[in-house]
PDB file of all heavy atoms in Angstrom:
ATOM      1  N   ALA A   1    -130.779 133.669 139.947  1.00  0.00           N
ATOM      2  CA  ALA A   1    -129.377 133.916 140.338  1.00  0.00           C
ATOM      3  C   ALA A   1    -128.755 132.563 140.634  1.00  0.00           C
ATOM      4  O   ALA A   1    -129.346 131.737 141.325  1.00  0.00           O
ATOM      5  CB  ALA A   1    -129.353 134.775 141.533  1.00  0.00           C
ATOM      6  N   PHE A   2    -127.521 132.337 140.157  1.00  0.00           N
ATOM      7  CA  PHE A   2    -126.832 131.096 140.438  1.00  0.00           C
ATOM      8  C   PHE A   2    -125.334 131.263 140.215  1.00  0.00           C
ATOM      9  O   PHE A   2    -124.826 132.189 139.587  1.00  0.00           O
ATOM     10  CB  PHE A   2    -127.365 129.981 139.622  1.00  0.00           C
ATOM     11  CG  PHE A   2    -126.983 129.962 138.167  1.00  0.00           C
ATOM     12  CD1 PHE A   2    -125.778 129.371 137.714  1.00  0.00           C
ATOM     13  CD2 PHE A   2    -127.765 130.572 137.241  1.00  0.00           C
ATOM     14  CE1 PHE A   2    -125.380 129.387 136.399  1.00  0.00           C
ATOM     15  CE2 PHE A   2    -127.376 130.630 135.857  1.00  0.00           C
ATOM     16  CZ  PHE A   2    -126.201 130.017 135.434  1.00  0.00           C
ATOM     17  N   ARG A   3    -124.589 130.312 140.771  1.00  0.00           N
ATOM     18  CA  ARG A   3    -123.193 130.127 140.474  1.00  0.00           C
ATOM     19  C   ARG A   3    -122.880 128.635 140.513  1.00  0.00           C
ATOM     20  O   ARG A   3    -123.418 127.895 141.370  1.00  0.00           O
ATOM     21  CB  ARG A   3    -122.307 130.862 141.501  1.00  0.00           C
ATOM     22  CG  ARG A   3    -120.813 130.684 141.208  1.00  0.00           C
ATOM     23  CD  ARG A   3    -119.932 131.380 142.248  1.00  0.00           C
ATOM     24  NE  ARG A   3    -119.936 130.693 143.556  1.00  0.00           N
ATOM     25  CZ  ARG A   3    -120.424 131.279 144.641  1.00  0.00           C
ATOM     26  NH1 ARG A   3    -120.962 132.468 144.635  1.00  0.00           N
ATOM     27  NH2 ARG A   3    -120.381 130.603 145.794  1.00  0.00           N
ATOM     28  N   ILE A   4    -122.059 128.194 139.583  1.00  0.00           N
ATOM     29  CA  ILE A   4    -121.590 126.828 139.597  1.00  0.00           C
ATOM     30  C   ILE A   4    -120.171 126.824 140.189  1.00  0.00           C
ATOM     31  O   ILE A   4    -119.288 127.475 139.670  1.00  0.00           O
ATOM     32  CB  ILE A   4    -121.600 126.233 138.202  1.00  0.00           C
ATOM     33  CG1 ILE A   4    -123.075 125.971 137.786  1.00  0.00           C
ATOM     34  CG2 ILE A   4    -120.845 124.865 138.167  1.00  0.00           C
ATOM     35  CD1 ILE A   4    -123.250 125.395 136.394  1.00  0.00           C
ATOM     36  N   GLY A   5    -120.002 126.052 141.281  1.00  0.00           N
ATOM     37  CA  GLY A   5    -118.690 125.956 141.893  1.00  0.00           C
ATOM     38  C   GLY A   5    -118.499 126.962 143.036  1.00  0.00           C
ATOM     39  O   GLY A   5    -119.406 127.743 143.322  1.00  0.00           O
ATOM     40  N   ALA A   6    -117.326 126.866 143.721  1.00  0.00           N
ATOM     41  CA  ALA A   6    -116.973 127.700 144.853  1.00  0.00           C
ATOM     42  C   ALA A   6    -118.041 127.678 145.917  1.00  0.00           C
ATOM     43  O   ALA A   6    -118.584 128.739 146.311  1.00  0.00           O
ATOM     44  CB  ALA A   6    -116.705 129.145 144.424  1.00  0.00           C
ATOM     45  N   PRO A   7    -118.379 126.492 146.455  1.00  0.00           N
ATOM     46  CA  PRO A   7    -119.474 126.401 147.436  1.00  0.00           C
ATOM     47  C   PRO A   7    -119.170 127.078 148.768  1.00  0.00           C
ATOM     48  O   PRO A   7    -120.079 127.365 149.543  1.00  0.00           O
ATOM     49  CB  PRO A   7    -119.600 124.891 147.640  1.00  0.00           C
ATOM     50  CG  PRO A   7    -118.276 124.326 147.283  1.00  0.00           C
ATOM     51  CD  PRO A   7    -117.773 125.199 146.150  1.00  0.00           C
ATOM     52  N   ASP A   8    -117.879 127.396 148.993  1.00  0.00           N
ATOM     53  CA  ASP A   8    -117.507 128.079 150.254  1.00  0.00           C
ATOM     54  C   ASP A   8    -117.634 129.593 150.210  1.00  0.00           C
ATOM     55  O   ASP A   8    -117.424 130.265 151.202  1.00  0.00           O
ATOM     56  CB  ASP A   8    -116.044 127.711 150.649  1.00  0.00           C
ATOM     57  CG  ASP A   8    -115.083 128.066 149.542  1.00  0.00           C
ATOM     58  OD1 ASP A   8    -115.495 128.112 148.337  1.00  0.00           O
ATOM     59  OD2 ASP A   8    -113.912 128.354 149.864  1.00  0.00           O
ATOM     60  N   GLN A   9    -117.993 130.101 149.048  1.00  0.00           N
ATOM     61  CA  GLN A   9    -118.137 131.560 148.858  1.00  0.00           C
ATOM     62  C   GLN A   9    -119.598 131.993 149.009  1.00  0.00           C
ATOM     63  O   GLN A   9    -120.517 131.220 148.818  1.00  0.00           O
ATOM     64  CB  GLN A   9    -117.595 131.955 147.468  1.00  0.00           C
ATOM     65  CG  GLN A   9    -116.079 131.701 147.272  1.00  0.00           C
ATOM     66  CD  GLN A   9    -115.287 132.439 148.264  1.00  0.00           C
ATOM     67  OE1 GLN A   9    -115.332 133.644 148.373  1.00  0.00           O
ATOM     68  NE2 GLN A   9    -114.426 131.752 149.059  1.00  0.00           N
ATOM     69  N   PRO A  10    -119.846 133.270 149.314  1.00  0.00           N
ATOM     70  CA  PRO A  10    -121.188 133.764 149.454  1.00  0.00           C
ATOM     71  C   PRO A  10    -122.028 133.566 148.174  1.00  0.00           C
ATOM     72  O   PRO A  10    -121.478 133.679 147.058  1.00  0.00           O
ATOM     73  CB  PRO A  10    -121.030 135.247 149.720  1.00  0.00           C
ATOM     74  CG  PRO A  10    -119.636 135.351 150.297  1.00  0.00           C
ATOM     75  CD  PRO A  10    -118.841 134.315 149.633  1.00  0.00           C
ATOM     76  N   ALA A  11    -123.258 133.233 148.341  1.00  0.00           N
ATOM     77  CA  ALA A  11    -124.107 132.984 147.166  1.00  0.00           C
ATOM     78  C   ALA A  11    -124.535 134.284 146.500  1.00  0.00           C
ATOM     79  O   ALA A  11    -124.700 135.324 147.122  1.00  0.00           O
ATOM     80  CB  ALA A  11    -125.396 132.209 147.653  1.00  0.00           C
ATOM     81  N   PRO A  12    -124.725 134.218 145.160  1.00  0.00           N
ATOM     82  CA  PRO A  12    -125.271 135.401 144.463  1.00  0.00           C
ATOM     83  C   PRO A  12    -126.684 135.682 144.894  1.00  0.00           C
ATOM     84  O   PRO A  12    -127.463 134.747 145.200  1.00  0.00           O
ATOM     85  CB  PRO A  12    -125.174 134.983 143.019  1.00  0.00           C
ATOM     86  CG  PRO A  12    -125.158 133.499 143.033  1.00  0.00           C
ATOM     87  CD  PRO A  12    -124.493 133.075 144.244  1.00  0.00           C
ATOM     88  N   VAL A  13    -127.042 136.919 144.905  1.00  0.00           N
ATOM     89  CA  VAL A  13    -128.344 137.369 145.373  1.00  0.00           C
ATOM     90  C   VAL A  13    -129.198 137.791 144.186  1.00  0.00           C
ATOM     91  O   VAL A  13    -128.722 138.523 143.314  1.00  0.00           O
ATOM     92  CB  VAL A  13    -128.238 138.549 146.341  1.00  0.00           C
ATOM     93  CG1 VAL A  13    -129.574 139.029 146.803  1.00  0.00           C
ATOM     94  CG2 VAL A  13    -127.346 138.145 147.551  1.00  0.00           C
ATOM     95  N   PRO A  14    -130.481 137.363 144.101  1.00  0.00           N
ATOM     96  CA  PRO A  14    -131.321 137.758 142.994  1.00  0.00           C
ATOM     97  C   PRO A  14    -131.461 139.273 142.936  1.00  0.00           C
ATOM     98  O   PRO A  14    -131.503 139.943 143.996  1.00  0.00           O
ATOM     99  CB  PRO A  14    -132.684 137.110 143.358  1.00  0.00           C
ATOM    100  CG  PRO A  14    -132.328 135.906 144.164  1.00  0.00           C
ATOM    101  CD  PRO A  14    -131.108 136.346 145.009  1.00  0.00           C
ATOM    102  N   ARG A  15    -131.540 139.813 141.734  1.00  0.00           N
ATOM    103  CA  ARG A  15    -131.666 141.270 141.521  1.00  0.00           C
ATOM    104  C   ARG A  15    -132.908 141.537 140.693  1.00  0.00           C
ATOM    105  O   ARG A  15    -133.770 140.670 140.539  1.00  0.00           O
ATOM    106  CB  ARG A  15    -130.432 141.785 140.870  1.00  0.00           C
ATOM    107  CG  ARG A  15    -129.120 141.287 141.559  1.00  0.00           C
ATOM    108  CD  ARG A  15    -128.123 142.348 141.684  1.00  0.00           C
ATOM    109  NE  ARG A  15    -127.000 141.872 142.513  1.00  0.00           N
ATOM    110  CZ  ARG A  15    -126.001 142.584 142.911  1.00  0.00           C
ATOM    111  NH1 ARG A  15    -125.957 143.885 142.509  1.00  0.00           N
ATOM    112  NH2 ARG A  15    -125.048 142.124 143.641  1.00  0.00           N
ATOM    113  N   ASP A  16    -132.980 142.727 140.128  1.00  0.00           N
ATOM    114  CA  ASP A  16    -134.189 143.064 139.350  1.00  0.00           C
ATOM    115  C   ASP A  16    -134.187 142.440 137.997  1.00  0.00           C
ATOM    116  O   ASP A  16    -135.163 142.564 137.230  1.00  0.00           O
ATOM    117  CB  ASP A  16    -134.350 144.602 139.245  1.00  0.00           C
ATOM    118  CG  ASP A  16    -133.142 145.256 138.596  1.00  0.00           C
ATOM    119  OD1 ASP A  16    -132.120 144.558 138.337  1.00  0.00           O
ATOM    120  OD2 ASP A  16    -133.208 146.485 138.376  1.00  0.00           O
ATOM    121  N   GLN A  17    -133.102 141.745 137.601  1.00  0.00           N
ATOM    122  CA  GLN A  17    -133.042 140.945 136.392  1.00  0.00           C
ATOM    123  C   GLN A  17    -132.152 139.733 136.648  1.00  0.00           C
ATOM    124  O   GLN A  17    -131.337 139.751 137.563  1.00  0.00           O
ATOM    125  CB  GLN A  17    -132.481 141.802 135.226  1.00  0.00           C
ATOM    126  CG  GLN A  17    -131.137 142.411 135.427  1.00  0.00           C
ATOM    127  CD  GLN A  17    -130.663 143.263 134.249  1.00  0.00           C
ATOM    128  OE1 GLN A  17    -130.838 142.870 133.134  1.00  0.00           O
ATOM    129  NE2 GLN A  17    -130.116 144.400 134.527  1.00  0.00           N
ATOM    130  N   PRO A  18    -132.342 138.641 135.905  1.00  0.00           N
ATOM    131  CA  PRO A  18    -131.631 137.403 136.174  1.00  0.00           C
ATOM    132  C   PRO A  18    -130.135 137.622 136.097  1.00  0.00           C
ATOM    133  O   PRO A  18    -129.588 138.266 135.180  1.00  0.00           O
ATOM    134  CB  PRO A  18    -132.105 136.456 135.105  1.00  0.00           C
ATOM    135  CG  PRO A  18    -133.472 136.955 134.729  1.00  0.00           C
ATOM    136  CD  PRO A  18    -133.355 138.483 134.823  1.00  0.00           C
ATOM    137  N   VAL A  19    -129.367 137.075 137.093  1.00  0.00           N
ATOM    138  CA  VAL A  19    -127.894 137.208 137.137  1.00  0.00           C
ATOM    139  C   VAL A  19    -127.296 135.870 137.380  1.00  0.00           C
ATOM    140  O   VAL A  19    -127.967 134.884 137.710  1.00  0.00           O
ATOM    141  CB  VAL A  19    -127.530 138.203 138.225  1.00  0.00           C
ATOM    142  CG1 VAL A  19    -128.010 139.587 137.971  1.00  0.00           C
ATOM    143  CG2 VAL A  19    -128.022 137.713 139.592  1.00  0.00           C
ATOM    144  N   PHE A  20    -125.991 135.819 137.226  1.00  0.00           N
ATOM    145  CA  PHE A  20    -125.214 134.623 137.604  1.00  0.00           C
ATOM    146  C   PHE A  20    -123.773 135.069 137.849  1.00  0.00           C
ATOM    147  O   PHE A  20    -123.399 136.219 137.538  1.00  0.00           O
ATOM    148  CB  PHE A  20    -125.288 133.558 136.512  1.00  0.00           C
ATOM    149  CG  PHE A  20    -124.550 133.933 135.217  1.00  0.00           C
ATOM    150  CD1 PHE A  20    -123.436 133.272 134.846  1.00  0.00           C
ATOM    151  CD2 PHE A  20    -125.048 134.935 134.396  1.00  0.00           C
ATOM    152  CE1 PHE A  20    -122.764 133.608 133.653  1.00  0.00           C
ATOM    153  CE2 PHE A  20    -124.417 135.259 133.190  1.00  0.00           C
ATOM    154  CZ  PHE A  20    -123.238 134.586 132.868  1.00  0.00           C
ATOM    155  N   GLU A  21    -122.997 134.199 138.447  1.00  0.00           N
ATOM    156  CA  GLU A  21    -121.586 134.515 138.687  1.00  0.00           C
ATOM    157  C   GLU A  21    -120.724 133.488 137.948  1.00  0.00           C
ATOM    158  O   GLU A  21    -121.000 132.298 137.919  1.00  0.00           O
ATOM    159  CB  GLU A  21    -121.273 134.464 140.137  1.00  0.00           C
ATOM    160  CG  GLU A  21    -121.836 135.608 140.918  1.00  0.00           C
ATOM    161  CD  GLU A  21    -121.470 135.545 142.399  1.00  0.00           C
ATOM    162  OE1 GLU A  21    -120.992 134.515 142.897  1.00  0.00           O
ATOM    163  OE2 GLU A  21    -121.680 136.581 143.106  1.00  0.00           O
ATOM    164  N   THR A  22    -119.607 134.020 137.338  1.00  0.00           N
ATOM    165  CA  THR A  22    -118.556 133.177 136.833  1.00  0.00           C
ATOM    166  C   THR A  22    -117.370 133.303 137.737  1.00  0.00           C
ATOM    167  O   THR A  22    -117.297 134.187 138.604  1.00  0.00           O
ATOM    168  CB  THR A  22    -118.198 133.538 135.394  1.00  0.00           C
ATOM    169  OG1 THR A  22    -117.777 134.924 135.356  1.00  0.00           O
ATOM    170  CG2 THR A  22    -119.366 133.352 134.463  1.00  0.00           C
ATOM    171  N   LEU A  23    -116.387 132.454 137.545  1.00  0.00           N
ATOM    172  CA  LEU A  23    -115.182 132.458 138.362  1.00  0.00           C
ATOM    173  C   LEU A  23    -113.957 132.684 137.546  1.00  0.00           C
ATOM    174  O   LEU A  23    -113.868 132.170 136.407  1.00  0.00           O
ATOM    175  CB  LEU A  23    -115.053 131.068 139.129  1.00  0.00           C
ATOM    176  CG  LEU A  23    -116.205 130.710 140.035  1.00  0.00           C
ATOM    177  CD1 LEU A  23    -116.044 129.254 140.510  1.00  0.00           C
ATOM    178  CD2 LEU A  23    -116.283 131.626 141.241  1.00  0.00           C
ATOM    179  N   THR A  24    -112.981 133.432 138.073  1.00  0.00           N
ATOM    180  CA  THR A  24    -111.686 133.537 137.390  1.00  0.00           C
ATOM    181  C   THR A  24    -110.939 132.241 137.638  1.00  0.00           C
ATOM    182  O   THR A  24    -111.320 131.384 138.420  1.00  0.00           O
ATOM    183  CB  THR A  24    -110.886 134.699 137.983  1.00  0.00           C
ATOM    184  OG1 THR A  24    -110.647 134.495 139.332  1.00  0.00           O
ATOM    185  CG2 THR A  24    -111.670 136.018 137.776  1.00  0.00           C
ATOM    186  N   SER A  25    -109.780 132.119 136.981  1.00  0.00           N
ATOM    187  CA  SER A  25    -108.971 130.865 137.051  1.00  0.00           C
ATOM    188  C   SER A  25    -108.403 130.599 138.441  1.00  0.00           C
ATOM    189  O   SER A  25    -108.111 129.464 138.790  1.00  0.00           O
ATOM    190  CB  SER A  25    -107.892 130.885 136.013  1.00  0.00           C
ATOM    191  OG  SER A  25    -106.955 131.946 136.345  1.00  0.00           O
ATOM    192  N   GLY A  26    -108.180 131.653 139.210  1.00  0.00           N
ATOM    193  CA  GLY A  26    -107.602 131.467 140.526  1.00  0.00           C
ATOM    194  C   GLY A  26    -106.086 131.231 140.466  1.00  0.00           C
ATOM    195  O   GLY A  26    -105.509 130.739 141.435  1.00  0.00           O
ATOM    196  N   SER A  27    -105.451 131.590 139.369  1.00  0.00           N
ATOM    197  CA  SER A  27    -104.047 131.340 139.160  1.00  0.00           C
ATOM    198  C   SER A  27    -103.183 132.103 140.163  1.00  0.00           C
ATOM    199  O   SER A  27    -102.063 131.735 140.448  1.00  0.00           O
ATOM    200  CB  SER A  27    -103.618 131.653 137.745  1.00  0.00           C
ATOM    201  OG  SER A  27    -103.894 133.006 137.449  1.00  0.00           O
ATOM    202  N   THR A  28    -103.695 133.203 140.670  1.00  0.00           N
ATOM    203  CA  THR A  28    -102.946 134.019 141.650  1.00  0.00           C
ATOM    204  C   THR A  28    -103.481 133.925 143.043  1.00  0.00           C
ATOM    205  O   THR A  28    -103.215 134.751 143.900  1.00  0.00           O
ATOM    206  CB  THR A  28    -102.892 135.468 141.189  1.00  0.00           C
ATOM    207  OG1 THR A  28    -104.280 135.971 141.077  1.00  0.00           O
ATOM    208  CG2 THR A  28    -102.216 135.628 139.864  1.00  0.00           C
ATOM    209  N   GLY A  29    -104.356 132.966 143.317  1.00  0.00           N
ATOM    210  CA  GLY A  29    -104.958 132.804 144.599  1.00  0.00           C
ATOM    211  C   GLY A  29    -106.373 132.223 144.472  1.00  0.00           C
ATOM    212  O   GLY A  29    -106.645 131.476 143.535  1.00  0.00           O
ATOM    213  N   GLN A  30    -107.244 132.589 145.400  1.00  0.00           N
ATOM    214  CA  GLN A  30    -108.616 132.104 145.350  1.00  0.00           C
ATOM    215  C   GLN A  30    -109.325 132.677 144.145  1.00  0.00           C
ATOM    216  O   GLN A  30    -109.201 133.879 143.815  1.00  0.00           O
ATOM    217  CB  GLN A  30    -109.351 132.458 146.628  1.00  0.00           C
ATOM    218  CG  GLN A  30    -110.738 131.899 146.712  1.00  0.00           C
ATOM    219  CD  GLN A  30    -111.247 131.936 148.132  1.00  0.00           C
ATOM    220  OE1 GLN A  30    -110.524 131.806 149.092  1.00  0.00           O
ATOM    221  NE2 GLN A  30    -112.590 132.098 148.299  1.00  0.00           N
ATOM    222  N   PRO A  31    -110.132 131.867 143.410  1.00  0.00           N
ATOM    223  CA  PRO A  31    -110.857 132.382 142.266  1.00  0.00           C
ATOM    224  C   PRO A  31    -111.733 133.553 142.665  1.00  0.00           C
ATOM    225  O   PRO A  31    -112.382 133.559 143.724  1.00  0.00           O
ATOM    226  CB  PRO A  31    -111.751 131.175 141.824  1.00  0.00           C
ATOM    227  CG  PRO A  31    -111.006 129.956 142.341  1.00  0.00           C
ATOM    228  CD  PRO A  31    -110.364 130.444 143.608  1.00  0.00           C
TER     229      PRO A  31
END
């Protein structure tokens, strides 16, 4: 489990299969 960027946000949690998080552009606020 991983995410690149947004270090101030909660970390992704490992699940029963590998996961990751992407980020939206944040054009209307926080990504």
